[in-house]
């Protein structure tokens, strides 16, 4: 046994004792570094777990998390999860926006049964404005900041409107042309594209409806539908419900680049980033938008989209894929070759900084993480109860929330 006071006050301990003390101190430090108290650290459990009756959607704004349930919409304070308010809604309601002090839903009027838009005070849930006979034009609901893009329910009318989220007032209003598309934008500012027979194509800013670009298309002809990616316009022509032909135009010159006819058996064409895709369930062919020629095909993947310059992101392997746990991959856009695999993670939401929110599915509990799309590295953010299928998630600078039957919230 070593007497730690052997040197006495003001006296240095002998050298052998000093060396013994130093060895014990280093051994203790090593034990603390290698064997932390309490065992290996585990990813954090949710800070808040919220139960609800048939949770269908959620939005976050500031320190509030808003949930849409089967028969109610409710707001919860974060952190803590205390319920601020709950407002009844008819089954089938949609949660469209939660921003700038308002929560906007699309729901039936309890008095008339008409579908309409309702703006609620985000602090109290009190109804601030209501417009019956209108529906959202974008699947996600909200358009540019502070603007809700809506359409009239009556087909004979068909007007498009930009509504102020705060007051429900009409900021702008457009009559319906022959064909119109509301185009989501990568920068979060959608555009409105109007196309009449023979052209021109007019592209409007969705915040103001002001025309920002006009393109003459002399070889256009009849059009039943269209979509845009960059400077390429893809147009469709139908007969009843049968796709007859598609064509691609250069929006810089207005010139038609190519046209494909007899499209009924091909599965159609759609934009998958800056390239075109065609095919059926389980097999997708990538088409060059400038020539219409097939570049390559891939089997076992059903969702292709842009990743970065020269690469595509492929997710959602079909149930018949050779390895259902393969997870997302990155493909070379020129050849279709797999250049990176990310393992058995489900991609559930996009994150800033070239990242994605991902989850896994384990019988012992599911993990939630941030995947760096450049390297494939995953930083685990938390763990929850077992999810038998990918949850729906949202992420803000303050929290990550995922839901299946219940909502799990991790504070950042």
Protein backbone atom coordinates (compact mmCIF):
# COMPACT_ATOMS: atom_id res chain seq x y z
CA UNK A 1 0.00 0.00 0.00
CA UNK A 2 1.26 3.47 -0.90
CA UNK A 3 0.96 6.27 1.63
CA UNK A 4 0.00 9.31 -0.51
CA UNK A 5 1.15 11.68 2.24
CA UNK A 6 4.61 10.14 2.68
CA UNK A 7 6.36 13.29 1.61
CA UNK A 8 4.57 15.40 4.24
CA UNK A 9 3.67 19.06 3.88
CA UNK A 10 6.21 20.99 1.85
CA UNK A 11 8.36 17.91 1.20
CA UNK A 12 8.80 16.13 -2.13
CA UNK A 13 7.99 12.42 -2.22
CA UNK A 14 10.83 10.04 -3.05
CA UNK A 15 11.31 9.22 -6.74
CA UNK A 16 9.91 5.62 -6.53
CA UNK A 17 6.71 6.96 -4.99
CA UNK A 18 6.38 9.70 -7.62
CA UNK A 19 6.76 7.06 -10.38
CA UNK A 20 4.12 4.84 -8.70
CA UNK A 21 1.68 7.75 -8.47
CA UNK A 22 2.22 8.59 -12.13
CA UNK A 23 1.63 4.96 -13.21
CA UNK A 24 -1.65 4.75 -11.23
CA UNK A 25 -2.82 8.11 -12.60
CA UNK A 26 -2.10 7.07 -16.21
CA UNK A 27 -3.83 3.70 -15.65
CA UNK A 28 -6.90 5.46 -14.26
CA UNK A 29 -7.03 7.84 -17.24
CA UNK A 30 -6.75 4.92 -19.65
CA UNK A 31 -9.60 3.09 -17.92
CA UNK A 32 -11.80 6.20 -18.16
CA UNK A 33 -11.06 6.59 -21.88
CA UNK A 34 -11.51 2.94 -22.86
CA UNK A 35 -14.35 1.95 -20.51
CA UNK A 36 -16.74 4.90 -20.04
CA UNK A 37 -18.97 4.77 -17.00
CA UNK A 38 -22.29 3.14 -17.89
CA UNK A 39 -21.01 1.17 -20.92
CA UNK A 40 -21.08 2.11 -24.62
CA UNK A 41 -23.03 5.26 -25.48
CA UNK A 42 -26.32 4.63 -27.29
CA UNK A 43 -28.04 6.96 -29.77
CA UNK A 44 -30.55 9.16 -27.95
CA UNK A 45 -34.17 8.14 -27.61
CA UNK A 46 -36.78 10.64 -28.81
CA UNK A 47 -37.09 13.79 -26.72
CA UNK A 48 -40.86 13.74 -27.27
CA UNK A 49 -43.26 11.02 -28.44
CA UNK A 50 -46.74 12.14 -29.51
CA UNK A 51 -49.69 9.80 -30.07
CA UNK A 52 -52.60 10.64 -32.33
CA UNK A 53 -55.59 9.18 -34.14
CA UNK A 54 -54.37 8.35 -37.64
CA UNK A 55 -51.53 10.85 -38.07
CA UNK A 56 -51.37 11.76 -41.75
CA UNK A 57 -49.08 14.78 -42.04
CA UNK A 58 -47.05 17.29 -40.05
CA UNK A 59 -45.43 20.70 -40.40
CA UNK A 60 -43.01 22.67 -38.20
CA UNK A 61 -42.85 26.43 -37.71
CA UNK A 62 -40.66 28.05 -35.07
CA UNK A 63 -41.24 26.27 -31.77
CA UNK A 64 -44.47 24.56 -32.93
CA UNK A 65 -45.04 21.13 -34.44
CA UNK A 66 -48.41 20.85 -36.20
CA UNK A 67 -50.02 17.43 -36.73
CA UNK A 68 -52.90 16.48 -39.00
CA UNK A 69 -54.89 13.56 -37.62
CA UNK A 70 -57.98 11.77 -38.83
CA UNK A 71 -60.47 14.21 -37.32
CA UNK A 72 -58.34 17.07 -35.93
CA UNK A 73 -55.37 19.34 -36.54
CA UNK A 74 -53.30 20.17 -33.44
CA UNK A 75 -50.21 22.22 -32.52
CA UNK A 76 -47.60 21.19 -29.94
CA UNK A 77 -44.95 23.33 -28.26
CA UNK A 78 -41.32 22.28 -28.72
CA UNK A 79 -39.45 21.40 -26.62
CA UNK A 80 -41.66 19.57 -24.18
CA UNK A 81 -44.54 18.52 -26.43
CA UNK A 82 -47.31 20.37 -24.56
CA UNK A 83 -50.41 20.71 -26.74
CA UNK A 84 -51.23 24.33 -27.57
CA UNK A 85 -54.56 23.74 -29.31
CA UNK A 86 -56.65 21.24 -31.26
CA UNK A 87 -59.28 22.02 -33.91
CA UNK A 88 -61.70 19.41 -35.33
CA UNK A 89 -61.66 18.76 -39.09
CA UNK A 90 -63.62 16.43 -41.36
CA UNK A 91 -61.90 13.19 -42.47
CA UNK A 92 -59.95 13.77 -45.67
CA UNK A 93 -58.61 17.20 -44.67
CA UNK A 94 -55.13 18.21 -45.86
CA UNK A 95 -52.44 20.18 -44.02
CA UNK A 96 -51.06 22.69 -46.53
CA UNK A 97 -48.80 25.12 -44.67
CA UNK A 98 -47.54 26.26 -41.28
CA UNK A 99 -45.66 29.54 -41.56
CA UNK A 100 -45.82 33.25 -40.81
CA UNK A 101 -48.22 32.80 -37.91
CA UNK A 102 -50.73 30.72 -39.86
CA UNK A 103 -51.70 27.07 -40.22
CA UNK A 104 -53.60 26.43 -43.48
CA UNK A 105 -55.75 23.36 -44.12
CA UNK A 106 -57.98 22.20 -46.95
CA UNK A 107 -61.19 20.79 -45.49
CA UNK A 108 -64.95 20.49 -45.86
CA UNK A 109 -67.10 23.21 -44.39
CA UNK A 110 -69.17 21.75 -41.51
CA UNK A 111 -72.04 24.08 -42.50
CA UNK A 112 -72.19 23.59 -46.30
CA UNK A 113 -70.05 20.52 -46.99
CA UNK A 114 -68.09 22.47 -49.60
CA UNK A 115 -64.33 21.98 -49.91
CA UNK A 116 -62.42 25.11 -48.96
CA UNK A 117 -59.24 26.60 -47.55
CA UNK A 118 -59.02 27.66 -43.90
CA UNK A 119 -56.35 29.84 -42.26
CA UNK A 120 -55.89 29.27 -38.50
CA UNK A 121 -53.99 31.40 -36.00
CA UNK A 122 -50.82 29.43 -35.23
CA UNK A 123 -50.82 30.51 -31.57
CA UNK A 124 -54.46 29.73 -30.69
CA UNK A 125 -56.00 27.66 -33.52
CA UNK A 126 -58.72 30.29 -34.03
CA UNK A 127 -60.08 30.59 -37.57
CA UNK A 128 -58.74 33.77 -39.24
CA UNK A 129 -60.01 33.32 -42.78
CA UNK A 130 -61.95 30.84 -44.93
CA UNK A 131 -62.47 30.52 -48.70
CA UNK A 132 -65.00 27.91 -49.82
CA UNK A 133 -64.87 26.50 -53.33
CA UNK A 134 -61.05 26.53 -53.62
CA UNK A 135 -58.43 23.77 -53.55
CA UNK A 136 -54.61 23.78 -53.43
CA UNK A 137 -52.84 23.63 -56.79
CA UNK A 138 -49.57 22.11 -55.53
CA UNK A 139 -49.44 18.69 -53.83
CA UNK A 140 -47.25 20.10 -51.06
CA UNK A 141 -49.62 23.01 -50.50
CA UNK A 142 -47.52 26.13 -49.96
CA UNK A 143 -45.98 28.00 -52.88
CA UNK A 144 -43.46 30.85 -52.59
CA UNK A 145 -42.90 32.28 -49.07
CA UNK A 146 -46.19 33.66 -47.76
CA UNK A 147 -48.23 32.60 -50.83
CA UNK A 148 -50.65 29.70 -51.25
CA UNK A 149 -51.35 28.75 -54.89
CA UNK A 150 -54.99 27.69 -55.24
CA UNK A 151 -57.47 26.88 -57.99
CA UNK A 152 -61.23 27.05 -58.20
CA UNK A 153 -63.08 23.77 -57.81
CA UNK A 154 -65.44 24.42 -60.72
CA UNK A 155 -64.02 23.04 -63.99
CA UNK A 156 -65.94 25.64 -66.02
CA UNK A 157 -64.12 28.40 -64.16
CA UNK A 158 -60.64 26.98 -63.62
CA UNK A 159 -58.97 30.16 -62.37
CA UNK A 160 -55.61 30.06 -60.60
CA UNK A 161 -54.99 32.36 -57.64
CA UNK A 162 -52.16 33.40 -55.38
CA UNK A 163 -53.48 33.81 -51.83
CA UNK A 164 -51.83 35.65 -48.95
CA UNK A 165 -51.29 33.06 -46.18
CA UNK A 166 -51.82 35.66 -43.46
CA UNK A 167 -55.15 37.07 -44.59
CA UNK A 168 -56.50 34.86 -47.39
CA UNK A 169 -56.58 37.93 -49.66
CA UNK A 170 -56.06 37.38 -53.39
CA UNK A 171 -52.63 38.68 -54.48
CA UNK A 172 -53.05 37.71 -58.13
CA UNK A 173 -55.52 35.85 -60.34
CA UNK A 174 -55.14 34.16 -63.75
CA UNK A 175 -57.69 32.83 -66.21
CA UNK A 176 -57.04 29.31 -67.50
CA UNK A 177 -55.17 28.89 -70.81
CA UNK A 178 -55.31 25.70 -72.89
CA UNK A 179 -52.59 23.99 -70.82
CA UNK A 180 -50.97 25.12 -67.57
CA UNK A 181 -48.36 23.65 -65.22
CA UNK A 182 -47.32 24.83 -61.77
CA UNK A 183 -43.66 23.83 -61.68
CA UNK A 184 -41.90 23.17 -58.36
CA UNK A 185 -38.44 24.73 -58.33
CA UNK A 186 -35.22 23.50 -56.76
CA UNK A 187 -34.76 26.87 -55.01
CA UNK A 188 -38.18 26.63 -53.37
CA UNK A 189 -39.81 29.21 -55.68
CA UNK A 190 -42.26 27.49 -58.05
CA UNK A 191 -43.08 28.91 -61.45
CA UNK A 192 -46.30 28.97 -63.47
CA UNK A 193 -46.01 27.90 -67.12
CA UNK A 194 -48.83 28.62 -69.61
CA UNK A 195 -48.92 27.07 -73.08
CA UNK A 196 -51.45 27.84 -75.81
CA UNK A 197 -51.86 26.00 -79.16
CA UNK A 198 -48.97 27.00 -81.43
CA UNK A 199 -47.22 28.75 -78.52
CA UNK A 200 -45.89 30.87 -77.09
CA UNK A 201 -44.81 29.44 -73.74
CA UNK A 202 -45.12 31.99 -70.94
CA UNK A 203 -43.36 31.41 -67.62
CA UNK A 204 -44.52 33.48 -64.64
CA UNK A 205 -43.09 34.11 -61.19
CA UNK A 206 -45.45 32.34 -58.78
CA UNK A 207 -45.19 35.07 -56.13
CA UNK A 208 -46.56 37.80 -58.41
CA UNK A 209 -47.78 36.03 -61.61
CA UNK A 210 -45.57 38.43 -63.61
CA UNK A 211 -44.30 36.95 -66.91
CA UNK A 212 -40.54 36.46 -66.62
CA UNK A 213 -39.92 34.54 -69.86
CA UNK A 214 -41.64 34.10 -73.24
CA UNK A 215 -40.63 31.49 -75.82
CA UNK A 216 -42.06 31.24 -79.35
CA UNK A 217 -42.60 27.63 -80.49
CA UNK A 218 -43.57 27.70 -84.20
CA UNK A 219 -43.61 23.87 -84.64
CA UNK A 220 -45.61 23.14 -81.50
CA UNK A 221 -49.03 22.04 -82.78
CA UNK A 222 -51.68 20.58 -80.46
CA UNK A 223 -50.62 19.84 -76.88
CA UNK A 224 -52.47 18.01 -74.08
CA UNK A 225 -49.76 18.22 -71.42
CA UNK A 226 -46.17 19.30 -70.84
CA UNK A 227 -43.30 19.48 -68.36
CA UNK A 228 -40.05 21.46 -68.19
CA UNK A 229 -36.51 20.75 -67.01
CA UNK A 230 -33.96 23.51 -67.47
CA UNK A 231 -34.10 24.67 -71.12
CA UNK A 232 -35.95 21.59 -72.37
CA UNK A 233 -39.73 21.37 -72.86
CA UNK A 234 -41.36 17.92 -72.99
CA UNK A 235 -44.86 17.91 -74.53
CA UNK A 236 -47.50 15.15 -74.74
CA UNK A 237 -50.47 14.48 -77.01
CA UNK A 238 -53.27 12.10 -76.04
CA UNK A 239 -56.30 10.56 -77.68
CA UNK A 240 -58.83 9.88 -74.94
CA UNK A 241 -56.52 8.30 -72.32
CA UNK A 242 -53.97 6.87 -74.78
CA UNK A 243 -50.59 8.57 -75.15
CA UNK A 244 -49.97 9.13 -78.86
CA UNK A 245 -46.67 10.98 -79.07
CA UNK A 246 -44.14 13.10 -77.21
CA UNK A 247 -41.68 15.74 -78.36
CA UNK A 248 -38.87 17.82 -76.87
CA UNK A 249 -38.23 21.51 -77.65
CA UNK A 250 -35.18 23.68 -77.00
CA UNK A 251 -36.40 26.70 -75.02
CA UNK A 252 -33.35 28.75 -76.04
CA UNK A 253 -34.21 28.64 -79.74
CA UNK A 254 -37.84 27.41 -79.72
CA UNK A 255 -36.82 24.59 -82.11
CA UNK A 256 -38.23 21.08 -81.86
CA UNK A 257 -35.34 18.66 -81.24
CA UNK A 258 -37.15 15.35 -81.82
CA UNK A 259 -40.51 13.57 -81.65
CA UNK A 260 -41.51 10.01 -80.73
CA UNK A 261 -44.79 8.53 -82.00
CA UNK A 262 -46.66 5.35 -81.05
CA UNK A 263 -45.92 5.81 -77.34
CA UNK A 264 -48.83 3.70 -76.04
CA UNK A 265 -46.70 0.62 -75.22
CA UNK A 266 -43.57 2.40 -73.99
CA UNK A 267 -44.79 3.60 -70.59
CA UNK A 268 -44.41 7.26 -71.56
CA UNK A 269 -41.59 9.70 -70.82
CA UNK A 270 -40.93 11.78 -67.73
CA UNK A 271 -38.15 13.95 -66.37
CA UNK A 272 -35.74 12.29 -63.93
CA UNK A 273 -33.61 15.34 -63.26
CA UNK A 274 -32.09 16.73 -66.46
CA UNK A 275 -32.52 13.40 -68.28
CA UNK A 276 -35.66 11.62 -69.43
CA UNK A 277 -36.88 8.25 -68.16
CA UNK A 278 -39.21 5.67 -69.67
CA UNK A 279 -40.17 2.11 -68.83
CA UNK A 280 -42.39 0.04 -66.60
CA UNK A 281 -42.34 -1.39 -63.07
CA UNK A 282 -38.94 -2.85 -62.24
CA UNK A 283 -37.09 -1.56 -65.31
CA UNK A 284 -36.24 2.02 -66.30
CA UNK A 285 -34.52 3.31 -69.43
CA UNK A 286 -32.74 6.67 -69.46
CA UNK A 287 -33.22 8.75 -72.63
CA UNK A 288 -31.02 11.57 -73.94
CA UNK A 289 -33.22 14.72 -73.96
CA UNK A 290 -31.35 16.24 -76.92
CA UNK A 291 -31.66 13.27 -79.31
CA UNK A 292 -34.39 10.98 -77.96
CA UNK A 293 -31.95 8.02 -78.01
CA UNK A 294 -31.85 5.48 -75.18
CA UNK A 295 -28.65 5.74 -73.12
CA UNK A 296 -28.95 2.76 -70.76
CA UNK A 297 -31.41 0.70 -68.72
CA UNK A 298 -31.49 -0.45 -65.11
CA UNK A 299 -33.55 -3.17 -63.42
CA UNK A 300 -34.64 -3.37 -59.80
CA UNK A 301 -34.86 0.39 -59.23
CA UNK A 302 -37.98 2.46 -59.72
CA UNK A 303 -37.06 5.99 -58.66
CA UNK A 304 -34.27 7.83 -60.48
CA UNK A 305 -33.40 11.49 -59.94
CA UNK A 306 -30.58 14.03 -60.00
CA UNK A 307 -27.66 13.62 -57.61
CA UNK A 308 -24.89 15.97 -58.78
CA UNK A 309 -23.12 16.79 -62.03
CA UNK A 310 -22.83 13.57 -64.03
CA UNK A 311 -24.59 11.31 -61.50
CA UNK A 312 -28.09 10.05 -60.70
CA UNK A 313 -29.66 8.89 -57.45
CA UNK A 314 -31.57 5.56 -57.52
CA UNK A 315 -33.83 4.43 -54.67
CA UNK A 316 -36.72 2.12 -53.83
CA UNK A 317 -35.70 -1.34 -55.05
CA UNK A 318 -38.73 -3.37 -56.11
CA UNK A 319 -39.81 -6.41 -54.04
CA UNK A 320 -38.41 -8.67 -56.78
CA UNK A 321 -34.94 -7.12 -56.63
CA UNK A 322 -32.09 -9.56 -56.00
CA UNK A 323 -31.26 -7.89 -52.68
CA UNK A 324 -34.11 -5.84 -51.14
CA UNK A 325 -31.70 -4.52 -48.49
CA UNK A 326 -29.40 -3.03 -51.10
CA UNK A 327 -30.44 0.52 -50.23
CA UNK A 328 -29.90 3.65 -52.35
CA UNK A 329 -27.13 3.88 -54.93
CA UNK A 330 -25.49 6.53 -57.10
CA UNK A 331 -25.28 5.83 -60.83
CA UNK A 332 -23.06 7.27 -63.54
CA UNK A 333 -25.51 9.27 -65.68
CA UNK A 334 -23.63 8.45 -68.90
CA UNK A 335 -23.53 4.67 -68.46
CA UNK A 336 -25.83 3.64 -65.60
CA UNK A 337 -22.90 2.04 -63.77
CA UNK A 338 -23.22 1.92 -59.96
CA UNK A 339 -20.47 4.13 -58.56
CA UNK A 340 -21.51 4.18 -54.89
CA UNK A 341 -23.67 2.13 -52.53
CA UNK A 342 -25.03 3.45 -49.27
CA UNK A 343 -26.18 0.23 -47.60
CA UNK A 344 -29.54 -0.65 -46.10
CA UNK A 345 -30.79 2.85 -45.32
CA UNK A 346 -34.15 4.31 -46.36
CA UNK A 347 -34.01 7.91 -47.64
CA UNK A 348 -36.96 9.77 -46.10
CA UNK A 349 -36.19 13.49 -46.53
CA UNK A 350 -33.72 15.91 -48.11
CA UNK A 351 -31.46 17.98 -45.86
CA UNK A 352 -29.41 21.12 -46.58
CA UNK A 353 -25.75 20.71 -47.45
CA UNK A 354 -26.01 17.82 -49.94
CA UNK A 355 -27.35 15.45 -47.29
CA UNK A 356 -30.36 13.24 -46.65
CA UNK A 357 -32.32 12.13 -43.60
CA UNK A 358 -32.20 8.33 -43.50
CA UNK A 359 -33.64 5.54 -41.35
CA UNK A 360 -33.05 1.84 -41.02
CA UNK A 361 -35.43 -0.92 -39.95
CA UNK A 362 -34.26 -3.29 -37.22
CA UNK A 363 -36.44 -5.52 -34.99
CA UNK A 364 -34.71 -4.05 -31.94
CA UNK A 365 -35.38 -0.42 -32.90
CA UNK A 366 -34.92 1.93 -35.83
CA UNK A 367 -32.12 4.43 -36.22
CA UNK A 368 -32.45 7.95 -37.68
CA UNK A 369 -29.38 9.57 -39.21
CA UNK A 370 -27.92 12.23 -41.48
CA UNK A 371 -26.25 10.82 -44.58
CA UNK A 372 -23.53 12.81 -46.33
CA UNK A 373 -24.40 12.22 -49.97
CA UNK A 374 -20.85 12.94 -51.04
CA UNK A 375 -19.18 10.28 -48.90
CA UNK A 376 -22.02 7.99 -47.81
CA UNK A 377 -21.09 8.51 -44.14
CA UNK A 378 -24.05 8.42 -41.73
CA UNK A 379 -24.19 10.38 -38.48
CA UNK A 380 -26.76 8.71 -36.23
CA UNK A 381 -29.11 11.26 -34.65
CA UNK A 382 -31.35 9.00 -32.59
CA UNK A 383 -33.19 5.72 -32.19
CA UNK A 384 -36.86 4.86 -31.88
CA UNK A 385 -39.16 1.89 -31.67
CA UNK A 386 -39.13 -0.56 -34.57
CA UNK A 387 -40.59 0.80 -37.82
CA UNK A 388 -41.79 -1.98 -40.16
CA UNK A 389 -41.69 0.46 -43.08
CA UNK A 390 -39.99 3.82 -43.75
CA UNK A 391 -41.59 6.61 -41.72
CA UNK A 392 -42.51 10.06 -42.94
CA UNK A 393 -40.07 12.63 -41.56
CA UNK A 394 -39.33 16.34 -41.55
CA UNK A 395 -36.22 18.19 -40.43
CA UNK A 396 -35.64 21.81 -39.43
CA UNK A 397 -32.74 23.61 -37.78
CA UNK A 398 -34.39 22.83 -34.42
CA UNK A 399 -35.73 19.29 -34.66
CA UNK A 400 -36.18 16.04 -36.56
CA UNK A 401 -39.65 14.44 -36.41
CA UNK A 402 -40.71 11.07 -37.86
CA UNK A 403 -44.07 9.35 -37.72
CA UNK A 404 -45.72 6.02 -38.37
CA UNK A 405 -48.41 5.33 -35.74
CA UNK A 406 -46.78 7.86 -33.36
CA UNK A 407 -44.54 10.89 -33.81
CA UNK A 408 -40.97 10.70 -32.50
CA UNK A 409 -39.15 14.03 -32.10
CA UNK A 410 -35.42 14.63 -31.58
CA UNK A 411 -34.25 18.14 -30.70
CA UNK A 412 -31.11 19.39 -32.43
